Structures are given as C-alpha cells and as structure tokens.
Amino acid sequence: MRETYERLLETLQQLGPVSAHPVKTRIVFQAETPFAAAVPRKHSLDIYVWLKCWASHPRLYRREEHVFRDFGHLFRLEQPADLDPGLIALLREAYAIGNGAMAGRR
C-alpha cells in the first residue's frame, strides 16, 4: 500500500499546496480546509473525499451525507493504477472545494 499512498500524495501535490496530517486512524489532506483522507488497510488504501454533490466512480463503495450538505465518498484502492483519471478529477474538485472555490461544484 506504500506505493499507492505515495502515488496519491504525489497526485495531490500536483494540484497545489497540500499538507498531510496523520491522526489516529487516517492521514488527513488539507488545503485551506481538509478535503480528503487516506485510511491504510491490510490489502488496500481507502480514500475519503468530501464533495458538494454526489459523484460516481467504479471504485466508489460508500457515500455519506454530512451536515452543511457535504457529501463524503469512500473509494478503495488496491494498487497505484487504481488512481485513474476519473478519480483524479474528483480529487481535483475536492481540492478546489478545500480551497474555498465554489467552482468545485458540478
């Protein structure tokens, strides 16, 4: 999972300034505000992304509605190649939202 995490971090850093904050069960990624998190599992890396509307993707396995009409999306990655252009686009949108950009809405 280390290679998958490194690919994720590299991808996020290409979007702009990102800080990674390890906490007890996950690593939170933050621009101006948190926009994504990674949860390491034994055979996978779960990626949690906050968006302003529902999204779909083949790796999506759970969605949650939060307060303030934010929507959490949970993706499971098993290898670096799972971080495909569609998922990168969703991370880009979440990053824009994390920077306070309303343009992050679809």
N, C-alpha and C. Protein backbone atom coordinates (compact mmCIF):
# COMPACT_ATOMS: atom_id res chain seq x y z
N MET A 1 0.80 -1.18 0.00
CA MET A 1 0.00 0.00 0.00
C MET A 1 0.86 1.26 0.00
N ARG A 2 2.11 1.11 0.36
CA ARG A 2 3.00 2.28 0.39
C ARG A 2 3.10 2.94 -0.99
N GLU A 3 3.22 2.13 -2.03
CA GLU A 3 3.31 2.69 -3.39
C GLU A 3 2.03 3.42 -3.77
N THR A 4 0.90 2.87 -3.39
CA THR A 4 -0.38 3.51 -3.68
C THR A 4 -0.49 4.84 -2.95
N TYR A 5 -0.09 4.85 -1.67
CA TYR A 5 -0.12 6.10 -0.90
C TYR A 5 0.82 7.14 -1.52
N GLU A 6 2.00 6.74 -1.90
CA GLU A 6 2.95 7.68 -2.49
C GLU A 6 2.42 8.25 -3.80
N ARG A 7 1.75 7.42 -4.60
CA ARG A 7 1.14 7.91 -5.85
C ARG A 7 0.03 8.91 -5.53
N LEU A 8 -0.77 8.63 -4.51
CA LEU A 8 -1.83 9.55 -4.09
C LEU A 8 -1.23 10.88 -3.64
N LEU A 9 -0.24 10.85 -2.79
CA LEU A 9 0.36 12.07 -2.28
C LEU A 9 0.99 12.89 -3.41
N GLU A 10 1.68 12.23 -4.31
CA GLU A 10 2.27 12.90 -5.47
C GLU A 10 1.18 13.57 -6.32
N THR A 11 0.09 12.88 -6.54
CA THR A 11 -1.03 13.42 -7.32
C THR A 11 -1.61 14.65 -6.64
N LEU A 12 -1.82 14.58 -5.32
CA LEU A 12 -2.38 15.71 -4.59
C LEU A 12 -1.44 16.90 -4.61
N GLN A 13 -0.15 16.67 -4.50
CA GLN A 13 0.82 17.76 -4.51
C GLN A 13 0.88 18.46 -5.87
N GLN A 14 0.51 17.76 -6.93
CA GLN A 14 0.46 18.37 -8.25
C GLN A 14 -0.72 19.33 -8.38
N LEU A 15 -1.71 19.19 -7.51
CA LEU A 15 -2.87 20.08 -7.54
C LEU A 15 -2.56 21.44 -6.93
N GLY A 16 -1.59 21.48 -6.04
CA GLY A 16 -1.23 22.71 -5.34
C GLY A 16 -0.73 22.38 -3.94
N PRO A 17 -0.56 23.41 -3.11
CA PRO A 17 -0.07 23.17 -1.75
C PRO A 17 -1.02 22.28 -0.95
N VAL A 18 -0.48 21.22 -0.41
CA VAL A 18 -1.25 20.25 0.38
C VAL A 18 -0.42 19.88 1.60
N SER A 19 -1.07 19.82 2.74
CA SER A 19 -0.39 19.29 3.92
C SER A 19 -1.05 17.98 4.31
N ALA A 20 -0.26 17.06 4.82
CA ALA A 20 -0.75 15.75 5.26
C ALA A 20 -0.60 15.68 6.78
N HIS A 21 -1.71 15.37 7.46
CA HIS A 21 -1.73 15.33 8.91
C HIS A 21 -2.13 13.94 9.39
N PRO A 22 -1.16 13.14 9.86
CA PRO A 22 -1.53 11.83 10.39
C PRO A 22 -2.27 11.98 11.72
N VAL A 23 -3.38 11.28 11.83
CA VAL A 23 -4.12 11.18 13.08
C VAL A 23 -4.26 9.70 13.42
N LYS A 24 -4.98 9.39 14.44
CA LYS A 24 -5.01 8.02 14.94
C LYS A 24 -5.32 6.96 13.88
N THR A 25 -6.33 7.16 13.06
CA THR A 25 -6.76 6.11 12.13
C THR A 25 -6.59 6.46 10.66
N ARG A 26 -6.11 7.66 10.36
CA ARG A 26 -6.03 8.08 8.96
C ARG A 26 -5.02 9.21 8.79
N ILE A 27 -4.82 9.57 7.54
CA ILE A 27 -4.00 10.72 7.19
C ILE A 27 -4.92 11.71 6.49
N VAL A 28 -5.05 12.89 7.05
CA VAL A 28 -5.95 13.91 6.50
C VAL A 28 -5.15 14.84 5.60
N PHE A 29 -5.69 15.12 4.41
CA PHE A 29 -5.06 16.03 3.46
C PHE A 29 -5.81 17.35 3.50
N GLN A 30 -5.05 18.43 3.59
CA GLN A 30 -5.66 19.74 3.77
C GLN A 30 -5.06 20.75 2.81
N ALA A 31 -5.95 21.58 2.23
CA ALA A 31 -5.56 22.78 1.50
C ALA A 31 -5.82 23.89 2.53
N GLU A 32 -6.78 24.79 2.28
CA GLU A 32 -7.19 25.72 3.34
C GLU A 32 -7.99 24.97 4.40
N THR A 33 -8.77 23.99 3.97
CA THR A 33 -9.53 23.13 4.87
C THR A 33 -9.32 21.68 4.42
N PRO A 34 -9.63 20.71 5.28
CA PRO A 34 -9.50 19.31 4.87
C PRO A 34 -10.41 18.99 3.68
N PHE A 35 -9.90 18.19 2.74
CA PHE A 35 -10.69 17.84 1.57
C PHE A 35 -10.64 16.35 1.25
N ALA A 36 -9.72 15.62 1.86
CA ALA A 36 -9.60 14.18 1.61
C ALA A 36 -8.85 13.54 2.77
N ALA A 37 -8.94 12.22 2.82
CA ALA A 37 -8.21 11.46 3.84
C ALA A 37 -7.87 10.09 3.27
N ALA A 38 -6.83 9.49 3.80
CA ALA A 38 -6.43 8.14 3.41
C ALA A 38 -6.44 7.26 4.66
N VAL A 39 -7.02 6.08 4.52
CA VAL A 39 -7.08 5.11 5.61
C VAL A 39 -6.38 3.84 5.14
N PRO A 40 -5.19 3.56 5.68
CA PRO A 40 -4.50 2.34 5.26
C PRO A 40 -5.18 1.09 5.81
N ARG A 41 -5.33 0.12 4.95
CA ARG A 41 -5.87 -1.20 5.32
C ARG A 41 -4.79 -2.23 5.03
N LYS A 42 -5.05 -3.45 5.40
CA LYS A 42 -4.05 -4.50 5.20
C LYS A 42 -3.74 -4.72 3.72
N HIS A 43 -4.77 -4.74 2.86
CA HIS A 43 -4.57 -5.02 1.44
C HIS A 43 -5.09 -3.92 0.53
N SER A 44 -5.38 -2.76 1.10
CA SER A 44 -5.90 -1.66 0.29
C SER A 44 -5.65 -0.33 0.98
N LEU A 45 -5.95 0.73 0.25
CA LEU A 45 -5.89 2.07 0.79
C LEU A 45 -7.25 2.70 0.51
N ASP A 46 -7.97 3.06 1.57
CA ASP A 46 -9.26 3.71 1.40
C ASP A 46 -9.04 5.21 1.32
N ILE A 47 -9.69 5.84 0.35
CA ILE A 47 -9.58 7.27 0.15
C ILE A 47 -10.95 7.88 0.41
N TYR A 48 -11.01 8.84 1.30
CA TYR A 48 -12.24 9.53 1.63
C TYR A 48 -12.15 10.93 1.05
N VAL A 49 -13.17 11.34 0.27
CA VAL A 49 -13.16 12.62 -0.42
C VAL A 49 -14.46 13.36 -0.11
N TRP A 50 -14.37 14.65 0.24
CA TRP A 50 -15.53 15.48 0.50
C TRP A 50 -15.86 16.29 -0.74
N LEU A 51 -17.10 16.20 -1.20
CA LEU A 51 -17.57 16.94 -2.37
C LEU A 51 -18.87 17.65 -2.04
N LYS A 52 -19.34 18.53 -2.93
CA LYS A 52 -20.58 19.28 -2.72
C LYS A 52 -21.79 18.59 -3.34
N CYS A 53 -21.58 17.48 -4.04
CA CYS A 53 -22.70 16.73 -4.61
C CYS A 53 -22.28 15.27 -4.76
N TRP A 54 -23.25 14.42 -5.05
CA TRP A 54 -22.94 13.01 -5.24
C TRP A 54 -22.11 12.82 -6.50
N ALA A 55 -21.17 11.89 -6.44
CA ALA A 55 -20.36 11.53 -7.59
C ALA A 55 -20.41 10.02 -7.76
N SER A 56 -20.00 9.55 -8.92
CA SER A 56 -19.92 8.10 -9.13
C SER A 56 -18.57 7.77 -9.73
N HIS A 57 -18.13 6.56 -9.46
CA HIS A 57 -16.84 6.06 -9.94
C HIS A 57 -16.83 4.56 -9.65
N PRO A 58 -16.18 3.76 -10.51
CA PRO A 58 -16.16 2.30 -10.28
C PRO A 58 -15.56 1.88 -8.93
N ARG A 59 -14.66 2.65 -8.36
CA ARG A 59 -14.02 2.29 -7.09
C ARG A 59 -14.79 2.81 -5.88
N LEU A 60 -15.87 3.55 -6.09
CA LEU A 60 -16.69 4.07 -5.00
C LEU A 60 -17.42 2.91 -4.33
N TYR A 61 -17.31 2.83 -2.99
CA TYR A 61 -18.06 1.77 -2.33
C TYR A 61 -18.93 2.27 -1.18
N ARG A 62 -18.87 3.56 -0.88
CA ARG A 62 -19.79 4.09 0.12
C ARG A 62 -19.89 5.61 -0.04
N ARG A 63 -21.10 6.12 0.19
CA ARG A 63 -21.33 7.57 0.17
C ARG A 63 -22.07 7.94 1.45
N GLU A 64 -21.77 9.14 1.96
CA GLU A 64 -22.41 9.61 3.18
C GLU A 64 -22.79 11.08 3.01
N GLU A 65 -23.95 11.44 3.52
CA GLU A 65 -24.34 12.85 3.52
C GLU A 65 -24.01 13.42 4.89
N HIS A 66 -23.39 14.59 4.91
CA HIS A 66 -22.97 15.23 6.16
C HIS A 66 -23.73 16.54 6.35
N VAL A 67 -23.46 17.18 7.46
CA VAL A 67 -24.06 18.49 7.71
C VAL A 67 -23.57 19.48 6.67
N PHE A 68 -24.28 20.55 6.51
CA PHE A 68 -23.95 21.60 5.53
C PHE A 68 -23.99 21.06 4.10
N ARG A 69 -24.73 19.96 3.90
CA ARG A 69 -24.92 19.38 2.57
C ARG A 69 -23.61 18.95 1.90
N ASP A 70 -22.62 18.57 2.69
CA ASP A 70 -21.40 17.99 2.14
C ASP A 70 -21.63 16.49 1.96
N PHE A 71 -20.95 15.93 0.97
CA PHE A 71 -21.11 14.52 0.66
C PHE A 71 -19.76 13.83 0.72
N GLY A 72 -19.66 12.81 1.56
CA GLY A 72 -18.44 12.03 1.67
C GLY A 72 -18.50 10.84 0.74
N HIS A 73 -17.38 10.58 0.08
CA HIS A 73 -17.26 9.46 -0.86
C HIS A 73 -16.05 8.62 -0.46
N LEU A 74 -16.25 7.33 -0.34
CA LEU A 74 -15.18 6.43 0.06
C LEU A 74 -14.82 5.50 -1.10
N PHE A 75 -13.54 5.52 -1.46
CA PHE A 75 -13.02 4.72 -2.57
C PHE A 75 -11.99 3.74 -2.03
N ARG A 76 -11.92 2.57 -2.61
CA ARG A 76 -10.92 1.57 -2.20
C ARG A 76 -9.92 1.37 -3.33
N LEU A 77 -8.64 1.61 -3.02
CA LEU A 77 -7.56 1.42 -3.98
C LEU A 77 -6.73 0.22 -3.57
N GLU A 78 -6.45 -0.66 -4.53
CA GLU A 78 -5.66 -1.85 -4.24
C GLU A 78 -4.29 -1.80 -4.88
N GLN A 79 -4.09 -0.85 -5.80
CA GLN A 79 -2.79 -0.69 -6.46
C GLN A 79 -2.70 0.74 -6.99
N PRO A 80 -1.50 1.24 -7.26
CA PRO A 80 -1.35 2.63 -7.72
C PRO A 80 -2.16 2.94 -8.98
N ALA A 81 -2.31 1.99 -9.88
CA ALA A 81 -3.06 2.22 -11.13
C ALA A 81 -4.54 2.48 -10.88
N ASP A 82 -5.05 2.15 -9.69
CA ASP A 82 -6.44 2.42 -9.37
C ASP A 82 -6.72 3.91 -9.26
N LEU A 83 -5.68 4.69 -9.11
CA LEU A 83 -5.82 6.15 -9.07
C LEU A 83 -5.87 6.64 -10.51
N ASP A 84 -7.04 6.46 -11.13
CA ASP A 84 -7.20 6.73 -12.57
C ASP A 84 -7.65 8.17 -12.81
N PRO A 85 -7.74 8.60 -14.08
CA PRO A 85 -8.12 9.98 -14.38
C PRO A 85 -9.47 10.40 -13.79
N GLY A 86 -10.43 9.51 -13.73
CA GLY A 86 -11.73 9.85 -13.15
C GLY A 86 -11.63 10.17 -11.67
N LEU A 87 -10.86 9.37 -10.95
CA LEU A 87 -10.68 9.61 -9.52
C LEU A 87 -9.83 10.86 -9.29
N ILE A 88 -8.83 11.07 -10.14
CA ILE A 88 -8.01 12.28 -10.03
C ILE A 88 -8.87 13.52 -10.24
N ALA A 89 -9.83 13.46 -11.17
CA ALA A 89 -10.74 14.60 -11.39
C ALA A 89 -11.57 14.88 -10.13
N LEU A 90 -12.02 13.84 -9.44
CA LEU A 90 -12.78 14.04 -8.21
C LEU A 90 -11.89 14.63 -7.11
N LEU A 91 -10.63 14.19 -7.04
CA LEU A 91 -9.69 14.77 -6.08
C LEU A 91 -9.43 16.24 -6.40
N ARG A 92 -9.34 16.57 -7.67
CA ARG A 92 -9.14 17.96 -8.09
C ARG A 92 -10.34 18.82 -7.64
N GLU A 93 -11.54 18.29 -7.82
CA GLU A 93 -12.75 19.00 -7.39
C GLU A 93 -12.75 19.20 -5.88
N ALA A 94 -12.41 18.15 -5.14
CA ALA A 94 -12.37 18.25 -3.68
C ALA A 94 -11.30 19.25 -3.24
N TYR A 95 -10.17 19.27 -3.92
CA TYR A 95 -9.10 20.22 -3.60
C TYR A 95 -9.60 21.65 -3.80
N ALA A 96 -10.32 21.90 -4.89
CA ALA A 96 -10.86 23.24 -5.16
C ALA A 96 -11.83 23.64 -4.04
N ILE A 97 -12.66 22.71 -3.60
CA ILE A 97 -13.58 22.98 -2.51
C ILE A 97 -12.80 23.25 -1.22
N GLY A 98 -11.75 22.49 -1.00
CA GLY A 98 -10.89 22.70 0.18
C GLY A 98 -10.18 24.02 0.18
N ASN A 99 -10.09 24.64 -0.98
CA ASN A 99 -9.51 25.98 -1.09
C ASN A 99 -10.58 27.05 -1.12
N GLY A 100 -11.83 26.68 -0.84
CA GLY A 100 -12.91 27.64 -0.78
C GLY A 100 -13.49 28.02 -2.12
N ALA A 101 -13.14 27.29 -3.18
CA ALA A 101 -13.63 27.63 -4.51
C ALA A 101 -15.02 27.05 -4.71
N MET A 102 -15.97 27.88 -4.99
CA MET A 102 -17.31 27.39 -5.30
C MET A 102 -17.33 26.75 -6.67
N ALA A 103 -16.30 26.97 -7.47
CA ALA A 103 -16.21 26.35 -8.79
C ALA A 103 -16.07 24.84 -8.66
N GLY A 104 -15.86 24.35 -7.44
CA GLY A 104 -15.75 22.92 -7.23
C GLY A 104 -17.07 22.19 -7.40
N ARG A 105 -18.17 22.93 -7.52
CA ARG A 105 -19.48 22.28 -7.71
C ARG A 105 -19.61 21.79 -9.12
N ARG A 106 -20.30 20.64 -9.26
CA ARG A 106 -20.56 20.10 -10.61
C ARG A 106 -21.99 20.36 -10.96
